[in-house]
Amino acid sequence: MKINCRTEELSNGVQTIQSALSQRTTLPILLNFLMETEGAKLKLVSTDLQMGVKHYVKAEVEKDGSITIPAKKFSDILHTLPGGQDVLISIDADQKIQVKCGRSRFIIIGAPKSEYPVLPEFSKADAFQMPSGELADMVKKTLFAASTDETRYVLNGVFWAASGGVLDMVATDGRRLAAIRRKAAPGGTPIQKDFRVIVPTKVLQEFLRLSGHEDAGSQVSVGITENQVGFLTSTTTMISRLVEGSFPNYEQVIPTKRDIKVSLAVKDLLLITRQAELASPERGGSVKYSLKKGALHVAAASQTVQFEDEIPVDYKGDEFTIAFNPEYVIDGLKAMGGEKVTLSLTTPINPALFEPEGQEEYKYVIMPMRV
């Protein structure tokens, strides 16, 4: 194999596929990535057997071939090369990879393609298309609420349910829940097949990172089979196994009763909660939110710091106090954006519902803490 490409193109490509590299593995080959020519392009592939990424890089292909390369060492080498330069890569019969850039010359020992796992193909059957930015927005509004507790593996992802062309995404860690619903067709192709799957956190985090580099308005194809999910863009394919198991009945958690409803400015509530968080105990600390006539009073205290302040609200009922983990409130407000949020409450021990005004499809639920 012999190819020539720009240092930035190659470095960005390797960075794109590094997410699927195995950090802890008993298979040394998984510390490598696959580099292979395909037509007039250079294909980079990585996998940890749970998730795989394939990315194409612009290159001048002088001689076809393939090799697997130690990923960390190759990435470290690329970081030392000057930008805006050509890098020439050639491989001999002994699996020696020569990297030349200017007067710099490195030789790395690789391994043949035959030792590397085969990445599953993206399933185009029943795949649907959405604007990449729109799908990323749905993921951002839910992913943060997914559990990081590996013992609750069915919560280590986002539940996706499609029915009648409408896509629901839901994530929960048992103490808070984020749910969004949108019709998938506008700007894309409709969802032809109903499904109920749990998409792992890792592949969604990487999709968000990838979508941040995509052009505005670009499309992403999503393919879902019985046991895997795939994301396909113009240059990159990501394939991941789905999380096995049954997602809990989240609909019964979302409050339908709204005894108290107040409208709050997101910016004001976010600021006062951030201030209160500074005074709450570091672990498991709570912030008290007390509704009084015309005001929401917010207070927190730890052994060393105390805080209280209030913001005006249109409230005329009896005094009502509820406590939340401030981190959950901040995460939800940051994810929903917008200018106004409606907070619906029933009792100090029942779940609270946050709904951004103008985004009826989005709901965020927090379990209160004991006052």
Protein backbone atom coordinates (compact mmCIF):
# COMPACT_ATOMS: atom_id res chain seq x y z
CA MET A 1 0.00 0.00 0.00
CA LYS A 2 1.13 3.52 -0.78
CA ILE A 3 -0.94 6.64 -0.16
CA ASN A 4 -0.47 10.39 0.15
CA CYS A 5 -2.75 12.75 2.10
CA ARG A 6 -2.76 15.95 4.14
CA THR A 7 -1.79 15.81 7.80
CA GLU A 8 -5.03 17.52 8.96
CA GLU A 9 -7.25 15.15 6.97
CA LEU A 10 -5.53 12.08 8.38
CA SER A 11 -5.37 13.42 11.94
CA ASN A 12 -9.09 14.32 11.93
CA GLY A 13 -9.93 10.89 10.52
CA VAL A 14 -7.98 9.03 13.19
CA GLN A 15 -9.58 11.22 15.86
CA THR A 16 -13.04 10.35 14.49
CA ILE A 17 -12.53 6.60 14.81
CA GLN A 18 -10.67 6.64 18.14
CA SER A 19 -13.95 6.59 20.09
CA ALA A 20 -14.50 2.94 19.22
CA LEU A 21 -11.05 1.80 20.24
CA SER A 22 -10.93 -0.60 23.16
CA GLN A 23 -9.36 0.86 26.31
CA ARG A 24 -9.35 -2.39 28.28
CA THR A 25 -9.08 -5.54 26.24
CA THR A 26 -7.52 -8.99 26.30
CA LEU A 27 -7.31 -8.85 22.47
CA PRO A 28 -4.21 -6.82 21.52
CA ILE A 29 -5.46 -6.38 17.94
CA LEU A 30 -8.27 -4.15 19.27
CA LEU A 31 -5.63 -1.57 20.20
CA ASN A 32 -5.09 -1.19 16.45
CA PHE A 33 -7.27 0.36 13.77
CA LEU A 34 -7.66 -0.77 10.18
CA MET A 35 -6.38 1.42 7.33
CA GLU A 36 -7.45 0.27 3.88
CA THR A 37 -7.73 1.77 0.42
CA GLU A 38 -11.14 1.68 -1.22
CA GLY A 39 -11.27 3.06 -4.74
CA ALA A 40 -9.75 6.54 -4.66
CA LYS A 41 -10.32 6.93 -0.91
CA LEU A 42 -8.69 5.84 2.31
CA LYS A 43 -10.90 3.97 4.79
CA LEU A 44 -10.21 3.97 8.54
CA VAL A 45 -12.02 1.44 10.78
CA SER A 46 -12.01 0.81 14.54
CA THR A 47 -14.06 -1.41 16.85
CA ASP A 48 -14.24 -2.59 20.45
CA LEU A 49 -16.67 -5.40 19.45
CA GLN A 50 -19.59 -3.43 20.94
CA MET A 51 -19.31 -0.42 18.64
CA GLY A 52 -17.52 0.23 15.37
CA VAL A 53 -16.70 3.35 13.36
CA LYS A 54 -15.78 3.63 9.68
CA HIS A 55 -14.54 6.93 8.25
CA TYR A 56 -13.30 7.97 4.80
CA VAL A 57 -10.38 10.32 4.26
CA LYS A 58 -9.37 12.12 1.07
CA ALA A 59 -6.12 10.66 -0.23
CA GLU A 60 -4.07 10.04 -3.36
CA VAL A 61 -3.88 6.28 -3.69
CA GLU A 62 -0.75 5.17 -5.53
CA LYS A 63 -1.00 1.51 -4.55
CA ASP A 64 -3.92 -0.39 -2.98
CA GLY A 65 -3.57 -2.31 0.26
CA SER A 66 -4.54 -2.67 3.91
CA ILE A 67 -2.91 -2.80 7.33
CA THR A 68 -3.85 -2.49 11.00
CA ILE A 69 -1.88 0.12 12.93
CA PRO A 70 -1.32 0.68 16.69
CA ALA A 71 -3.76 3.54 17.21
CA LYS A 72 -2.24 5.45 20.13
CA LYS A 73 1.29 5.47 18.73
CA PHE A 74 0.09 6.51 15.27
CA SER A 75 -2.06 9.29 16.75
CA ASP A 76 0.88 10.54 18.83
CA ILE A 77 3.02 10.66 15.69
CA LEU A 78 0.40 12.63 13.77
CA HIS A 79 0.22 15.21 16.57
CA THR A 80 3.93 15.96 16.10
CA LEU A 81 3.66 16.56 12.35
CA PRO A 82 3.30 20.14 11.06
CA GLY A 83 -0.07 21.20 9.65
CA GLY A 84 -0.62 21.87 5.97
CA GLN A 85 1.90 19.21 4.90
CA ASP A 86 1.65 16.05 2.85
CA VAL A 87 2.16 12.77 4.67
CA LEU A 88 3.26 9.73 2.69
CA ILE A 89 2.41 6.29 4.06
CA SER A 90 3.79 3.09 2.58
CA ILE A 91 3.70 -0.52 3.77
CA ASP A 92 6.11 -3.29 2.86
CA ALA A 93 5.65 -7.06 2.84
CA ASP A 94 6.83 -7.36 6.47
CA GLN A 95 3.92 -5.19 7.75
CA LYS A 96 6.28 -2.27 8.35
CA ILE A 97 4.50 1.07 8.01
CA GLN A 98 6.66 3.99 6.91
CA VAL A 99 5.31 7.47 7.65
CA LYS A 100 7.10 10.36 5.94
CA CYS A 101 6.33 14.05 6.34
CA GLY A 102 8.91 16.60 5.26
CA ARG A 103 12.22 15.32 6.65
CA SER A 104 10.52 13.31 9.43
CA ARG A 105 10.40 9.54 8.99
CA PHE A 106 8.79 6.98 11.29
CA ILE A 107 8.52 3.22 10.96
CA ILE A 108 5.81 1.32 12.87
CA ILE A 109 5.11 -2.40 12.94
CA GLY A 110 1.51 -3.21 12.00
CA ALA A 111 -0.56 -6.38 11.64
CA PRO A 112 -2.45 -7.81 8.66
CA LYS A 113 -6.13 -7.05 8.03
CA SER A 114 -6.96 -10.76 8.39
CA GLU A 115 -6.44 -10.51 12.18
CA TYR A 116 -8.94 -7.66 12.59
CA PRO A 117 -12.67 -8.17 13.36
CA VAL A 118 -15.07 -7.50 10.50
CA LEU A 119 -17.33 -4.48 11.06
CA PRO A 120 -21.03 -5.19 10.38
CA GLU A 121 -22.50 -3.37 7.39
CA PHE A 122 -24.98 -0.54 7.83
CA SER A 123 -28.51 -1.91 7.31
CA LYS A 124 -30.32 0.18 4.71
CA ALA A 125 -33.51 -1.87 5.02
CA ASP A 126 -36.14 0.31 6.75
CA ALA A 127 -33.51 3.01 7.46
CA PHE A 128 -34.87 6.54 7.84
CA GLN A 129 -33.28 9.94 7.33
CA MET A 130 -33.35 13.05 9.51
CA PRO A 131 -31.49 16.35 9.50
CA SER A 132 -28.40 15.65 11.60
CA GLY A 133 -28.98 18.76 13.73
CA GLU A 134 -32.55 17.76 14.55
CA LEU A 135 -31.60 14.25 15.63
CA ALA A 136 -28.70 15.66 17.67
CA ASP A 137 -31.08 18.05 19.41
CA MET A 138 -33.34 15.15 20.47
CA VAL A 139 -30.32 13.24 21.79
CA LYS A 140 -28.97 16.27 23.71
CA LYS A 141 -32.33 16.79 25.39
CA THR A 142 -32.39 13.23 26.76
CA LEU A 143 -28.93 11.68 26.96
CA PHE A 144 -27.81 13.62 30.04
CA ALA A 145 -30.53 11.90 32.13
CA ALA A 146 -29.32 8.35 31.34
CA SER A 147 -27.85 6.31 34.19
CA THR A 148 -24.10 5.76 34.55
CA ASP A 149 -24.63 2.91 37.04
CA GLU A 150 -23.46 -0.20 35.17
CA THR A 151 -25.53 -2.47 37.43
CA ARG A 152 -28.68 -0.88 35.94
CA TYR A 153 -27.63 -1.65 32.41
CA VAL A 154 -31.07 -1.13 30.79
CA LEU A 155 -30.83 2.51 31.88
CA ASN A 156 -27.35 2.93 30.35
CA GLY A 157 -28.79 4.34 27.16
CA VAL A 158 -31.71 6.17 25.61
CA PHE A 159 -34.97 4.37 24.88
CA TRP A 160 -36.14 4.95 21.28
CA ALA A 161 -39.70 4.07 20.29
CA ALA A 162 -41.18 4.65 16.84
CA SER A 163 -44.88 4.36 16.17
CA GLY A 164 -46.86 5.75 13.25
CA GLY A 165 -43.88 7.78 12.04
CA VAL A 166 -43.42 9.49 15.43
CA LEU A 167 -40.13 9.05 17.31
CA ASP A 168 -39.93 9.11 21.12
CA MET A 169 -36.66 9.30 23.05
CA VAL A 170 -36.56 8.76 26.82
CA ALA A 171 -33.72 8.54 29.33
CA THR A 172 -33.79 8.09 33.10
CA ASP A 173 -31.47 7.23 35.97
CA GLY A 174 -34.34 6.52 38.38
CA ARG A 175 -34.25 9.99 39.94
CA ARG A 176 -34.96 12.12 36.89
CA LEU A 177 -36.39 11.51 33.43
CA ALA A 178 -36.16 13.36 30.11
CA ALA A 179 -38.55 12.60 27.25
CA ILE A 180 -39.03 14.11 23.81
CA ARG A 181 -41.37 13.26 20.93
CA ARG A 182 -41.11 14.39 17.31
CA LYS A 183 -42.33 13.39 13.89
CA ALA A 184 -39.27 12.10 12.09
CA ALA A 185 -40.29 12.88 8.50
CA PRO A 186 -39.93 16.70 8.12
CA GLY A 187 -36.70 17.34 6.25
CA GLY A 188 -35.98 13.61 5.93
CA THR A 189 -37.68 10.32 5.10
CA PRO A 190 -40.45 8.83 7.25
CA ILE A 191 -39.96 5.95 9.66
CA GLN A 192 -41.47 2.95 7.88
CA LYS A 193 -41.18 0.40 10.66
CA ASP A 194 -42.20 0.64 14.32
CA PHE A 195 -39.54 -0.30 16.88
CA ARG A 196 -38.70 -0.16 20.61
CA VAL A 197 -34.97 -0.28 21.36
CA ILE A 198 -32.39 1.01 23.87
CA VAL A 199 -29.49 2.82 22.19
CA PRO A 200 -26.25 2.79 24.24
CA THR A 201 -24.91 6.01 25.73
CA LYS A 202 -21.49 5.63 24.09
CA VAL A 203 -22.63 5.61 20.48
CA LEU A 204 -24.97 8.56 21.13
CA GLN A 205 -22.13 10.56 22.68
CA GLU A 206 -20.04 9.87 19.60
CA PHE A 207 -22.92 10.76 17.29
CA LEU A 208 -23.19 14.14 19.06
CA ARG A 209 -19.46 14.70 18.63
CA LEU A 210 -19.67 13.74 14.97
CA SER A 211 -22.74 15.89 14.28
CA GLY A 212 -20.88 18.90 15.64
CA HIS A 213 -18.53 18.66 12.62
CA GLU A 214 -21.27 18.11 10.04
CA ASP A 215 -22.51 20.89 7.75
CA ALA A 216 -25.72 22.63 8.81
CA GLY A 217 -28.70 20.86 7.29
CA SER A 218 -26.78 17.67 6.47
CA GLN A 219 -28.71 14.42 6.67
CA VAL A 220 -28.04 11.34 8.76
CA SER A 221 -29.46 7.91 7.95
CA VAL A 222 -30.46 5.75 10.92
CA GLY A 223 -30.75 2.00 10.55
CA ILE A 224 -32.15 -0.19 13.31
CA THR A 225 -32.21 -3.99 13.29
CA GLU A 226 -33.04 -6.54 15.96
CA ASN A 227 -29.74 -6.10 17.77
CA GLN A 228 -27.89 -3.10 16.35
CA VAL A 229 -28.20 0.58 15.46
CA GLY A 230 -26.30 2.39 12.72
CA PHE A 231 -25.70 6.04 11.87
CA LEU A 232 -24.58 6.93 8.34
CA THR A 233 -23.33 10.36 7.22
CA SER A 234 -21.52 11.42 4.05
CA THR A 235 -18.11 10.37 5.42
CA THR A 236 -18.70 8.27 8.53
CA THR A 237 -20.57 5.13 9.58
CA MET A 238 -21.12 4.14 13.23
CA ILE A 239 -22.52 0.75 14.19
CA SER A 240 -23.35 -0.32 17.74
CA ARG A 241 -25.01 -3.19 19.52
CA LEU A 242 -28.24 -2.27 21.26
CA VAL A 243 -28.72 -2.58 25.02
CA GLU A 244 -30.59 -5.81 25.77
CA GLY A 245 -33.52 -5.81 28.15
CA SER A 246 -36.85 -4.06 28.75
CA PHE A 247 -36.98 -0.35 29.49
CA PRO A 248 -39.22 0.51 32.48
CA ASN A 249 -42.73 1.91 31.96
CA TYR A 250 -41.73 5.56 31.90
CA GLU A 251 -45.18 6.93 31.04
CA GLN A 252 -46.49 6.25 34.53
CA VAL A 253 -43.69 8.44 35.96
CA ILE A 254 -44.68 11.56 34.00
CA PRO A 255 -47.19 13.51 36.13
CA THR A 256 -50.61 14.11 34.61
CA LYS A 257 -51.92 16.02 37.62
CA ARG A 258 -50.93 19.68 37.86
CA ASP A 259 -52.25 21.18 41.11
CA ILE A 260 -49.73 24.03 41.00
CA LYS A 261 -48.42 25.58 37.77
CA VAL A 262 -45.98 28.48 37.63
CA SER A 263 -44.17 30.05 34.69
CA LEU A 264 -40.50 30.92 35.27
CA ALA A 265 -37.77 32.55 33.22
CA VAL A 266 -35.20 29.84 32.41
CA LYS A 267 -32.30 32.30 32.73
CA ASP A 268 -33.41 33.45 36.21
CA LEU A 269 -34.09 29.95 37.52
CA LEU A 270 -30.78 28.68 36.14
CA LEU A 271 -28.79 31.50 37.77
CA ILE A 272 -30.42 31.24 41.19
CA THR A 273 -30.03 27.44 41.19
CA ARG A 274 -26.36 27.70 40.29
CA GLN A 275 -25.87 30.14 43.15
CA ALA A 276 -27.73 27.85 45.55
CA GLU A 277 -25.69 24.85 44.43
CA LEU A 278 -22.56 26.61 45.75
CA ALA A 279 -24.08 26.53 49.23
CA SER A 280 -25.48 23.01 49.16
CA PRO A 281 -23.51 20.06 50.59
CA GLU A 282 -21.24 18.55 47.94
CA ARG A 283 -22.69 15.04 48.05
CA GLY A 284 -26.43 14.54 47.94
CA GLY A 285 -27.06 18.17 48.76
CA SER A 286 -30.47 19.69 48.20
CA VAL A 287 -31.85 23.13 47.42
CA LYS A 288 -35.21 24.27 48.80
CA TYR A 289 -37.68 26.01 46.49
CA SER A 290 -40.52 27.76 48.34
CA LEU A 291 -43.46 29.29 46.51
CA LYS A 292 -44.93 32.32 48.26
CA LYS A 293 -47.38 34.91 47.04
CA GLY A 294 -45.60 36.60 44.14
CA ALA A 295 -42.19 34.97 44.64
CA LEU A 296 -40.13 31.79 44.45
CA HIS A 297 -37.74 31.73 47.41
CA VAL A 298 -34.61 29.59 46.93
CA ALA A 299 -32.35 28.57 49.81
CA ALA A 300 -29.46 26.20 50.52
CA ALA A 301 -27.03 25.67 53.38
CA SER A 302 -23.97 23.60 54.17
CA GLN A 303 -21.56 23.65 57.12
CA THR A 304 -19.61 26.55 55.62
CA VAL A 305 -21.96 28.44 53.26
CA GLN A 306 -25.56 29.65 53.31
CA PHE A 307 -27.57 31.15 50.47
CA GLU A 308 -31.05 32.56 49.91
CA ASP A 309 -32.65 34.72 47.25
CA GLU A 310 -35.94 34.91 45.40
CA ILE A 311 -37.32 35.61 41.95
CA PRO A 312 -40.77 37.07 41.17
CA VAL A 313 -43.46 34.67 39.95
CA ASP A 314 -47.17 34.91 39.32
CA TYR A 315 -48.29 32.74 42.25
CA LYS A 316 -51.24 33.44 44.54
CA GLY A 317 -51.67 30.14 46.43
CA ASP A 318 -50.58 28.86 49.83
CA GLU A 319 -46.90 28.54 50.67
CA PHE A 320 -45.40 25.39 49.17
CA THR A 321 -41.86 24.04 49.69
CA ILE A 322 -40.09 21.34 47.69
CA ALA A 323 -36.42 20.34 47.49
CA PHE A 324 -34.36 19.15 44.52
CA ASN A 325 -30.85 18.06 43.75
CA PRO A 326 -29.61 21.31 42.14
CA GLU A 327 -27.52 19.46 39.56
CA TYR A 328 -30.67 17.87 38.13
CA VAL A 329 -32.41 21.23 37.82
CA ILE A 330 -29.37 22.79 36.13
CA ASP A 331 -28.92 19.89 33.70
CA GLY A 332 -32.57 20.03 32.64
CA LEU A 333 -32.69 23.80 32.18
CA LYS A 334 -29.49 23.77 30.12
CA ALA A 335 -30.80 20.97 27.89
CA MET A 336 -34.25 22.46 27.24
CA GLY A 337 -33.07 25.99 26.47
CA GLY A 338 -35.78 28.50 25.59
CA GLU A 339 -36.85 31.54 27.58
CA LYS A 340 -39.69 30.22 29.78
CA VAL A 341 -40.37 26.97 31.60
CA THR A 342 -43.60 25.81 33.23
CA LEU A 343 -43.11 24.03 36.56
CA SER A 344 -45.98 21.76 37.61
CA LEU A 345 -46.24 20.43 41.18
CA THR A 346 -48.64 18.37 43.30
CA THR A 347 -47.04 17.55 46.69
CA PRO A 348 -43.52 17.96 48.12
CA ILE A 349 -42.89 14.22 47.71
CA ASN A 350 -44.35 13.67 44.22
CA PRO A 351 -42.41 14.12 40.96
CA ALA A 352 -42.15 17.65 39.54
CA LEU A 353 -42.65 18.33 35.84
CA PHE A 354 -40.65 20.91 33.88
CA GLU A 355 -41.97 21.81 30.41
CA PRO A 356 -40.29 24.46 28.23
CA GLU A 357 -42.90 26.84 26.86
CA GLY A 358 -43.22 26.49 23.09
CA GLN A 359 -41.76 22.95 23.16
CA GLU A 360 -44.82 20.88 24.07
CA GLU A 361 -43.05 17.72 22.90
CA TYR A 362 -40.43 17.90 25.69
CA LYS A 363 -40.92 16.85 29.32
CA TYR A 364 -38.43 16.71 32.16
CA VAL A 365 -39.31 15.06 35.48
CA ILE A 366 -37.37 15.27 38.75
CA MET A 367 -38.00 13.29 41.92
CA PRO A 368 -37.89 15.66 44.91
CA MET A 369 -35.67 15.19 47.96
CA ARG A 370 -36.90 15.12 51.53
CA VAL A 371 -37.18 18.64 52.94
